[in-house]
């Protein structure tokens, strides 16, 4: 996914929230009963490469392992148990797809070239959050949340460059990627994370939320390998995410 398409996705999230504001002004009067059990769906996106950086050092003279976030999207199911109008507990199984960009190095005589290699990896996270609400105006509330979640990685090992790493032939010389046998690995298939969230909630016939969520895993679960062995001179590293999300409760 390109930067332009990721920007369009963010604009779509904002547009959905603005639409919810417009369509729920009249519906506000219909919201009279307290609803304890709430079910919904959500979508989210992250385009914050400064926050989300996967780079790790490499002792190779050709460069380093340089992996950055191109775009991250997620989709989730929501169950929100409201104990009162201020406090609730939510359960949110979430599928996350990370579209990544790896800086490749092609080495040979007489030149060295660089290119960006796109690839993706995915995971499932199941967080439980404690949610707190503060009334701002009529049916609009400030929503803050704190939670912890279990994570499962669908791909414990992911080869970055397909095939034998051949980059072509020039003047009879065949060129190969320096990272032809490099893989991005997770130390464990299961991990955990903490979530911190803040945003707005509109209570009406259908409840809407637009939220910023910060995901942080203390576990440095990621590492690079070469030919099936942990790469020399590299460190395990973690992945953090800052995402913009939109939720609707039915």
C-alpha atoms as a PDB file:
ATOM      1  CA  UNK A   1       0.000   0.000   0.000  1.00  0.00           C
ATOM      2  CA  UNK A   2       1.387   3.416  -1.032  1.00  0.00           C
ATOM      3  CA  UNK A   3       1.678   6.509   1.126  1.00  0.00           C
ATOM      4  CA  UNK A   4      -1.198   8.120  -0.830  1.00  0.00           C
ATOM      5  CA  UNK A   5      -3.501   5.166  -0.195  1.00  0.00           C
ATOM      6  CA  UNK A   6      -2.585   5.136   3.513  1.00  0.00           C
ATOM      7  CA  UNK A   7      -3.436   8.851   3.727  1.00  0.00           C
ATOM      8  CA  UNK A   8      -6.781   8.114   2.057  1.00  0.00           C
ATOM      9  CA  UNK A   9      -7.415   5.424   4.678  1.00  0.00           C
ATOM     10  CA  UNK A  10      -6.780   7.920   7.490  1.00  0.00           C
ATOM     11  CA  UNK A  11      -9.090  10.445   5.790  1.00  0.00           C
ATOM     12  CA  UNK A  12     -11.746   7.728   5.559  1.00  0.00           C
ATOM     13  CA  UNK A  13     -11.554   7.152   9.335  1.00  0.00           C
ATOM     14  CA  UNK A  14     -11.937  10.870   9.989  1.00  0.00           C
ATOM     15  CA  UNK A  15     -14.788  11.090   7.489  1.00  0.00           C
ATOM     16  CA  UNK A  16     -16.653   8.262   9.180  1.00  0.00           C
ATOM     17  CA  UNK A  17     -16.361  10.035  12.511  1.00  0.00           C
ATOM     18  CA  UNK A  18     -17.621  13.348  11.086  1.00  0.00           C
ATOM     19  CA  UNK A  19     -20.523  11.500   9.466  1.00  0.00           C
ATOM     20  CA  UNK A  20     -21.377   9.922  12.813  1.00  0.00           C
ATOM     21  CA  UNK A  21     -21.492  13.376  14.403  1.00  0.00           C
ATOM     22  CA  UNK A  22     -23.892  14.623  11.753  1.00  0.00           C
ATOM     23  CA  UNK A  23     -26.232  11.616  11.723  1.00  0.00           C
ATOM     24  CA  UNK A  24     -26.499  11.268  15.516  1.00  0.00           C
ATOM     25  CA  UNK A  25     -27.557  14.781  16.520  1.00  0.00           C
ATOM     26  CA  UNK A  26     -31.220  13.888  15.964  1.00  0.00           C
ATOM     27  CA  UNK A  27     -30.733  10.344  17.250  1.00  0.00           C
ATOM     28  CA  UNK A  28     -29.471  11.622  20.603  1.00  0.00           C
ATOM     29  CA  UNK A  29     -33.004  11.865  21.987  1.00  0.00           C
ATOM     30  CA  UNK A  30     -33.584   8.201  21.195  1.00  0.00           C
ATOM     31  CA  UNK A  31     -30.838   7.121  23.611  1.00  0.00           C
ATOM     32  CA  UNK A  32     -32.778   6.833  26.835  1.00  0.00           C
ATOM     33  CA  UNK A  33     -31.997   3.374  28.233  1.00  0.00           C
ATOM     34  CA  UNK A  34     -28.695   2.263  29.722  1.00  0.00           C
ATOM     35  CA  UNK A  35     -27.287  -0.615  27.664  1.00  0.00           C
ATOM     36  CA  UNK A  36     -25.039  -3.013  29.588  1.00  0.00           C
ATOM     37  CA  UNK A  37     -23.931  -5.397  26.801  1.00  0.00           C
ATOM     38  CA  UNK A  38     -22.548  -3.737  23.665  1.00  0.00           C
ATOM     39  CA  UNK A  39     -21.229  -5.372  20.483  1.00  0.00           C
ATOM     40  CA  UNK A  40     -19.391  -3.658  17.671  1.00  0.00           C
ATOM     41  CA  UNK A  41     -16.667  -3.679  15.028  1.00  0.00           C
ATOM     42  CA  UNK A  42     -13.624  -1.485  14.512  1.00  0.00           C
ATOM     43  CA  UNK A  43     -10.966  -0.596  11.959  1.00  0.00           C
ATOM     44  CA  UNK A  44      -7.619   1.066  12.564  1.00  0.00           C
ATOM     45  CA  UNK A  45      -4.510   2.270  10.779  1.00  0.00           C
ATOM     46  CA  UNK A  46      -0.969   3.366  11.614  1.00  0.00           C
ATOM     47  CA  UNK A  47       1.259   5.549   9.451  1.00  0.00           C
ATOM     48  CA  UNK A  48       3.758   6.727  12.046  1.00  0.00           C
ATOM     49  CA  UNK A  49       7.214   5.483  10.993  1.00  0.00           C
ATOM     50  CA  UNK A  50       8.905   7.654  13.626  1.00  0.00           C
ATOM     51  CA  UNK A  51       7.015   5.836  16.358  1.00  0.00           C
ATOM     52  CA  UNK A  52       7.206   2.440  14.695  1.00  0.00           C
ATOM     53  CA  UNK A  53      10.790   1.620  13.728  1.00  0.00           C
ATOM     54  CA  UNK A  54      12.150  -1.863  13.177  1.00  0.00           C
ATOM     55  CA  UNK A  55      15.802  -1.067  12.357  1.00  0.00           C
ATOM     56  CA  UNK A  56      18.515  -3.149  14.008  1.00  0.00           C
ATOM     57  CA  UNK A  57      22.325  -2.872  13.759  1.00  0.00           C
ATOM     58  CA  UNK A  58      24.319  -5.143  11.476  1.00  0.00           C
ATOM     59  CA  UNK A  59      28.069  -5.735  11.444  1.00  0.00           C
ATOM     60  CA  UNK A  60      28.132  -6.180   7.646  1.00  0.00           C
ATOM     61  CA  UNK A  61      30.216  -3.651   5.718  1.00  0.00           C
ATOM     62  CA  UNK A  62      27.415  -3.329   3.142  1.00  0.00           C
ATOM     63  CA  UNK A  63      25.027  -1.696   5.579  1.00  0.00           C
ATOM     64  CA  UNK A  64      22.540  -2.661   8.257  1.00  0.00           C
ATOM     65  CA  UNK A  65      19.181  -4.328   8.626  1.00  0.00           C
ATOM     66  CA  UNK A  66      16.849  -1.441   7.850  1.00  0.00           C
ATOM     67  CA  UNK A  67      13.176  -2.351   8.213  1.00  0.00           C
ATOM     68  CA  UNK A  68      10.521   0.356   8.474  1.00  0.00           C
ATOM     69  CA  UNK A  69       6.766   0.570   8.679  1.00  0.00           C
ATOM     70  CA  UNK A  70       5.057   1.277   5.371  1.00  0.00           C
ATOM     71  CA  UNK A  71       1.494   0.916   6.632  1.00  0.00           C
ATOM     72  CA  UNK A  72      -0.389  -1.056   9.291  1.00  0.00           C
ATOM     73  CA  UNK A  73      -4.109  -1.795   9.270  1.00  0.00           C
ATOM     74  CA  UNK A  74      -6.327  -3.791  11.599  1.00  0.00           C
ATOM     75  CA  UNK A  75      -9.894  -4.988  11.999  1.00  0.00           C
ATOM     76  CA  UNK A  76     -11.476  -6.006  15.295  1.00  0.00           C
ATOM     77  CA  UNK A  77     -14.594  -7.295  17.002  1.00  0.00           C
ATOM     78  CA  UNK A  78     -15.753  -5.472  20.139  1.00  0.00           C
ATOM     79  CA  UNK A  79     -17.583  -6.492  23.293  1.00  0.00           C
ATOM     80  CA  UNK A  80     -18.036  -3.713  25.833  1.00  0.00           C
ATOM     81  CA  UNK A  81     -19.501  -4.540  29.247  1.00  0.00           C
ATOM     82  CA  UNK A  82     -20.749  -1.305  30.812  1.00  0.00           C
ATOM     83  CA  UNK A  83     -20.939  -1.557  34.585  1.00  0.00           C
ATOM     84  CA  UNK A  84     -22.183   2.019  34.831  1.00  0.00           C
ATOM     85  CA  UNK A  85     -22.093   5.214  32.747  1.00  0.00           C
ATOM     86  CA  UNK A  86     -18.460   5.872  33.714  1.00  0.00           C
ATOM     87  CA  UNK A  87     -16.689   2.502  33.753  1.00  0.00           C
ATOM     88  CA  UNK A  88     -16.680  -0.513  31.428  1.00  0.00           C
ATOM     89  CA  UNK A  89     -14.582  -3.547  30.482  1.00  0.00           C
ATOM     90  CA  UNK A  90     -14.017  -4.428  26.829  1.00  0.00           C
ATOM     91  CA  UNK A  91     -12.800  -7.524  24.999  1.00  0.00           C
ATOM     92  CA  UNK A  92     -11.402  -6.861  21.498  1.00  0.00           C
ATOM     93  CA  UNK A  93     -10.004  -9.698  19.301  1.00  0.00           C
ATOM     94  CA  UNK A  94      -7.970  -7.870  16.626  1.00  0.00           C
ATOM     95  CA  UNK A  95      -6.296  -8.951  13.387  1.00  0.00           C
ATOM     96  CA  UNK A  96      -3.258  -6.789  12.506  1.00  0.00           C
ATOM     97  CA  UNK A  97      -1.458  -6.732   9.151  1.00  0.00           C
ATOM     98  CA  UNK A  98       1.906  -4.955   8.981  1.00  0.00           C
ATOM     99  CA  UNK A  99       3.017  -3.827   5.518  1.00  0.00           C
ATOM    100  CA  UNK A 100       6.770  -3.330   5.822  1.00  0.00           C
ATOM    101  CA  UNK A 101       9.627  -1.974   3.732  1.00  0.00           C
ATOM    102  CA  UNK A 102      13.151  -3.448   3.860  1.00  0.00           C
ATOM    103  CA  UNK A 103      16.186  -1.604   2.455  1.00  0.00           C
ATOM    104  CA  UNK A 104      17.945  -4.121   0.217  1.00  0.00           C
ATOM    105  CA  UNK A 105      21.583  -3.940  -0.940  1.00  0.00           C
ATOM    106  CA  UNK A 106      22.724  -5.490  -4.225  1.00  0.00           C
ATOM    107  CA  UNK A 107      26.496  -5.852  -4.343  1.00  0.00           C
ATOM    108  CA  UNK A 108      28.893  -6.719  -7.151  1.00  0.00           C
ATOM    109  CA  UNK A 109      31.444  -5.379  -9.594  1.00  0.00           C
ATOM    110  CA  UNK A 110      31.299  -2.593 -10.604  1.00  0.00           C
ATOM    111  CA  UNK A 111      28.557  -1.115  -8.395  1.00  0.00           C
ATOM    112  CA  UNK A 112      26.404  -1.329  -5.290  1.00  0.00           C
ATOM    113  CA  UNK A 113      22.705  -0.442  -5.508  1.00  0.00           C
ATOM    114  CA  UNK A 114      19.921   0.003  -2.970  1.00  0.00           C
ATOM    115  CA  UNK A 115      16.190  -0.635  -3.245  1.00  0.00           C
ATOM    116  CA  UNK A 116      13.103  -0.907  -1.040  1.00  0.00           C
ATOM    117  CA  UNK A 117      11.615  -4.414  -0.766  1.00  0.00           C
ATOM    118  CA  UNK A 118       7.961  -4.544   0.378  1.00  0.00           C
ATOM    119  CA  UNK A 119       6.606  -7.498   2.370  1.00  0.00           C
ATOM    120  CA  UNK A 120       4.086  -8.108   5.128  1.00  0.00           C
ATOM    121  CA  UNK A 121       3.548 -10.031   8.337  1.00  0.00           C
ATOM    122  CA  UNK A 122       0.422 -10.508  10.439  1.00  0.00           C
ATOM    123  CA  UNK A 123      -0.681 -11.259  13.990  1.00  0.00           C
ATOM    124  CA  UNK A 124      -3.722 -11.651  16.231  1.00  0.00           C
ATOM    125  CA  UNK A 125      -4.034  -9.810  19.510  1.00  0.00           C
ATOM    126  CA  UNK A 126      -6.731 -10.283  22.161  1.00  0.00           C
ATOM    127  CA  UNK A 127      -6.699  -7.380  24.630  1.00  0.00           C
ATOM    128  CA  UNK A 128      -8.883  -6.719  27.653  1.00  0.00           C
ATOM    129  CA  UNK A 129      -9.281  -3.024  28.516  1.00  0.00           C
ATOM    130  CA  UNK A 130     -10.631  -0.978  31.403  1.00  0.00           C
ATOM    131  CA  UNK A 131     -12.463   2.064  30.018  1.00  0.00           C
ATOM    132  CA  UNK A 132     -13.269   5.339  31.766  1.00  0.00           C
ATOM    133  CA  UNK A 133     -15.666   8.001  30.485  1.00  0.00           C
ATOM    134  CA  UNK A 134     -15.941  11.707  31.301  1.00  0.00           C
ATOM    135  CA  UNK A 135     -18.854  13.741  29.922  1.00  0.00           C
ATOM    136  CA  UNK A 136     -17.822  16.666  27.739  1.00  0.00           C
ATOM    137  CA  UNK A 137     -21.027  17.893  26.096  1.00  0.00           C
ATOM    138  CA  UNK A 138     -24.480  16.294  25.814  1.00  0.00           C
ATOM    139  CA  UNK A 139     -23.832  12.832  24.369  1.00  0.00           C
ATOM    140  CA  UNK A 140     -20.091  13.319  23.674  1.00  0.00           C
ATOM    141  CA  UNK A 141     -17.655  11.775  26.155  1.00  0.00           C
ATOM    142  CA  UNK A 142     -13.907  11.617  26.629  1.00  0.00           C
ATOM    143  CA  UNK A 143     -12.878   7.954  26.645  1.00  0.00           C
ATOM    144  CA  UNK A 144      -9.605   6.741  28.159  1.00  0.00           C
ATOM    145  CA  UNK A 145      -8.523   3.112  28.403  1.00  0.00           C
ATOM    146  CA  UNK A 146      -5.759   0.954  29.814  1.00  0.00           C
ATOM    147  CA  UNK A 147      -5.365  -2.707  28.955  1.00  0.00           C
ATOM    148  CA  UNK A 148      -3.239  -5.780  28.403  1.00  0.00           C
ATOM    149  CA  UNK A 149      -3.416  -8.275  25.561  1.00  0.00           C
ATOM    150  CA  UNK A 150      -2.109 -11.644  24.399  1.00  0.00           C
ATOM    151  CA  UNK A 151      -0.514 -11.779  20.916  1.00  0.00           C
ATOM    152  CA  UNK A 152      -0.159 -14.620  18.438  1.00  0.00           C
ATOM    153  CA  UNK A 153       2.127 -14.294  15.384  1.00  0.00           C
ATOM    154  CA  UNK A 154       0.871 -16.170  12.316  1.00  0.00           C
ATOM    155  CA  UNK A 155       4.382 -16.248  10.839  1.00  0.00           C
ATOM    156  CA  UNK A 156       7.158 -17.006  13.299  1.00  0.00           C
ATOM    157  CA  UNK A 157       9.682 -16.753  10.456  1.00  0.00           C
ATOM    158  CA  UNK A 158       9.346 -14.631   7.291  1.00  0.00           C
ATOM    159  CA  UNK A 159      11.860 -14.662   4.400  1.00  0.00           C
ATOM    160  CA  UNK A 160      12.333 -11.080   3.258  1.00  0.00           C
ATOM    161  CA  UNK A 161      13.514 -11.700  -0.314  1.00  0.00           C
ATOM    162  CA  UNK A 162      11.921 -14.459  -2.413  1.00  0.00           C
ATOM    163  CA  UNK A 163      13.948 -16.952  -4.444  1.00  0.00           C
ATOM    164  CA  UNK A 164      17.754 -17.067  -4.507  1.00  0.00           C
ATOM    165  CA  UNK A 165      18.118 -13.290  -4.238  1.00  0.00           C
ATOM    166  CA  UNK A 166      19.226 -12.844  -7.859  1.00  0.00           C
ATOM    167  CA  UNK A 167      18.926  -9.191  -8.886  1.00  0.00           C
ATOM    168  CA  UNK A 168      19.842  -9.582 -12.557  1.00  0.00           C
ATOM    169  CA  UNK A 169      22.823  -9.702 -14.911  1.00  0.00           C
ATOM    170  CA  UNK A 170      24.948  -6.810 -16.205  1.00  0.00           C
ATOM    171  CA  UNK A 171      27.817  -7.210 -18.697  1.00  0.00           C
ATOM    172  CA  UNK A 172      27.931 -10.932 -17.979  1.00  0.00           C
ATOM    173  CA  UNK A 173      28.111 -10.431 -14.218  1.00  0.00           C
ATOM    174  CA  UNK A 174      25.273 -11.789 -12.073  1.00  0.00           C
ATOM    175  CA  UNK A 175      24.230  -9.690  -9.106  1.00  0.00           C
ATOM    176  CA  UNK A 176      22.700 -10.938  -5.852  1.00  0.00           C
ATOM    177  CA  UNK A 177      21.100  -9.305  -2.855  1.00  0.00           C
ATOM    178  CA  UNK A 178      23.302  -9.105   0.229  1.00  0.00           C
ATOM    179  CA  UNK A 179      20.229 -10.185   2.201  1.00  0.00           C
ATOM    180  CA  UNK A 180      19.184 -13.136   0.007  1.00  0.00           C
ATOM    181  CA  UNK A 181      19.059 -15.490   3.016  1.00  0.00           C
ATOM    182  CA  UNK A 182      17.768 -13.022   5.608  1.00  0.00           C
ATOM    183  CA  UNK A 183      14.613 -13.742   7.604  1.00  0.00           C
ATOM    184  CA  UNK A 184      12.595 -11.707  10.078  1.00  0.00           C
ATOM    185  CA  UNK A 185      11.826 -13.914  13.080  1.00  0.00           C
ATOM    186  CA  UNK A 186       9.830 -13.874  16.273  1.00  0.00           C
ATOM    187  CA  UNK A 187      11.489 -15.524  19.257  1.00  0.00           C
ATOM    188  CA  UNK A 188       8.138 -16.906  20.401  1.00  0.00           C
ATOM    189  CA  UNK A 189       4.847 -17.408  18.576  1.00  0.00           C
ATOM    190  CA  UNK A 190       3.040 -15.936  21.608  1.00  0.00           C
ATOM    191  CA  UNK A 191       3.763 -12.647  23.331  1.00  0.00           C
ATOM    192  CA  UNK A 192       1.937  -9.880  25.197  1.00  0.00           C
ATOM    193  CA  UNK A 193       1.402  -6.124  25.027  1.00  0.00           C
ATOM    194  CA  UNK A 194       0.057  -3.153  26.973  1.00  0.00           C
ATOM    195  CA  UNK A 195      -2.395  -0.664  25.479  1.00  0.00           C
ATOM    196  CA  UNK A 196      -3.009   2.995  26.305  1.00  0.00           C
ATOM    197  CA  UNK A 197      -5.936   4.706  24.582  1.00  0.00           C
ATOM    198  CA  UNK A 198      -7.709   8.058  24.443  1.00  0.00           C
ATOM    199  CA  UNK A 199     -10.405   9.539  22.230  1.00  0.00           C
ATOM    200  CA  UNK A 200     -14.035  10.540  21.858  1.00  0.00           C
ATOM    201  CA  UNK A 201     -17.248   8.556  22.136  1.00  0.00           C
ATOM    202  CA  UNK A 202     -20.674   9.608  20.847  1.00  0.00           C
ATOM    203  CA  UNK A 203     -23.609   7.962  22.580  1.00  0.00           C
ATOM    204  CA  UNK A 204     -26.782   7.746  20.505  1.00  0.00           C
ATOM    205  CA  UNK A 205     -28.847   5.077  18.748  1.00  0.00           C
ATOM    206  CA  UNK A 206     -25.486   3.618  17.712  1.00  0.00           C
ATOM    207  CA  UNK A 207     -22.337   4.464  19.658  1.00  0.00           C
ATOM    208  CA  UNK A 208     -19.305   5.720  17.739  1.00  0.00           C
ATOM    209  CA  UNK A 209     -15.703   6.072  18.857  1.00  0.00           C
ATOM    210  CA  UNK A 210     -12.612   7.627  17.314  1.00  0.00           C
ATOM    211  CA  UNK A 211      -9.478   6.719  19.271  1.00  0.00           C
ATOM    212  CA  UNK A 212      -5.711   6.890  19.380  1.00  0.00           C
ATOM    213  CA  UNK A 213      -4.183   3.669  20.732  1.00  0.00           C
ATOM    214  CA  UNK A 214      -0.563   3.120  21.722  1.00  0.00           C
ATOM    215  CA  UNK A 215       0.548  -0.530  21.766  1.00  0.00           C
ATOM    216  CA  UNK A 216       3.729  -1.412  23.626  1.00  0.00           C
ATOM    217  CA  UNK A 217       5.293  -4.849  24.160  1.00  0.00           C
ATOM    218  CA  UNK A 218       8.063  -5.121  26.798  1.00  0.00           C
ATOM    219  CA  UNK A 219       9.152  -8.348  25.112  1.00  0.00           C
ATOM    220  CA  UNK A 220      11.901  -7.849  22.491  1.00  0.00           C
ATOM    221  CA  UNK A 221      10.535 -10.671  20.400  1.00  0.00           C
ATOM    222  CA  UNK A 222      11.863  -9.759  16.932  1.00  0.00           C
ATOM    223  CA  UNK A 223      15.271 -10.636  15.469  1.00  0.00           C
ATOM    224  CA  UNK A 224      16.973 -11.232  12.110  1.00  0.00           C
ATOM    225  CA  UNK A 225      18.569 -14.499  10.997  1.00  0.00           C
ATOM    226  CA  UNK A 226      20.917 -15.547   8.188  1.00  0.00           C
ATOM    227  CA  UNK A 227      20.754 -19.083   6.758  1.00  0.00           C
ATOM    228  CA  UNK A 228      18.632 -20.205   9.691  1.00  0.00           C
ATOM    229  CA  UNK A 229      20.958 -18.836  12.402  1.00  0.00           C
ATOM    230  CA  UNK A 230      20.601 -15.621  14.413  1.00  0.00           C
ATOM    231  CA  UNK A 231      22.443 -12.853  12.563  1.00  0.00           C
ATOM    232  CA  UNK A 232      25.733 -11.707  14.075  1.00  0.00           C
ATOM    233  CA  UNK A 233      26.066  -8.245  15.636  1.00  0.00           C
ATOM    234  CA  UNK A 234      22.298  -7.738  15.863  1.00  0.00           C
ATOM    235  CA  UNK A 235      19.985  -7.166  18.773  1.00  0.00           C
ATOM    236  CA  UNK A 236      16.506  -8.437  19.464  1.00  0.00           C
ATOM    237  CA  UNK A 237      14.031  -5.576  19.146  1.00  0.00           C
ATOM    238  CA  UNK A 238      10.411  -4.793  19.894  1.00  0.00           C
ATOM    239  CA  UNK A 239       7.628  -3.298  17.802  1.00  0.00           C
ATOM    240  CA  UNK A 240       5.405  -0.464  19.029  1.00  0.00           C
ATOM    241  CA  UNK A 241       2.369   1.006  17.296  1.00  0.00           C
ATOM    242  CA  UNK A 242       0.461   4.266  17.458  1.00  0.00           C
ATOM    243  CA  UNK A 243      -2.806   3.826  15.602  1.00  0.00           C
ATOM    244  CA  UNK A 244      -5.913   5.797  14.726  1.00  0.00           C
ATOM    245  CA  UNK A 245      -9.104   3.757  15.004  1.00  0.00           C
ATOM    246  CA  UNK A 246     -12.844   4.063  14.390  1.00  0.00           C
ATOM    247  CA  UNK A 247     -15.406   1.857  16.175  1.00  0.00           C
ATOM    248  CA  UNK A 248     -19.150   1.479  15.807  1.00  0.00           C
ATOM    249  CA  UNK A 249     -21.404  -0.348  18.288  1.00  0.00           C
ATOM    250  CA  UNK A 250     -24.661  -1.803  17.032  1.00  0.00           C
END
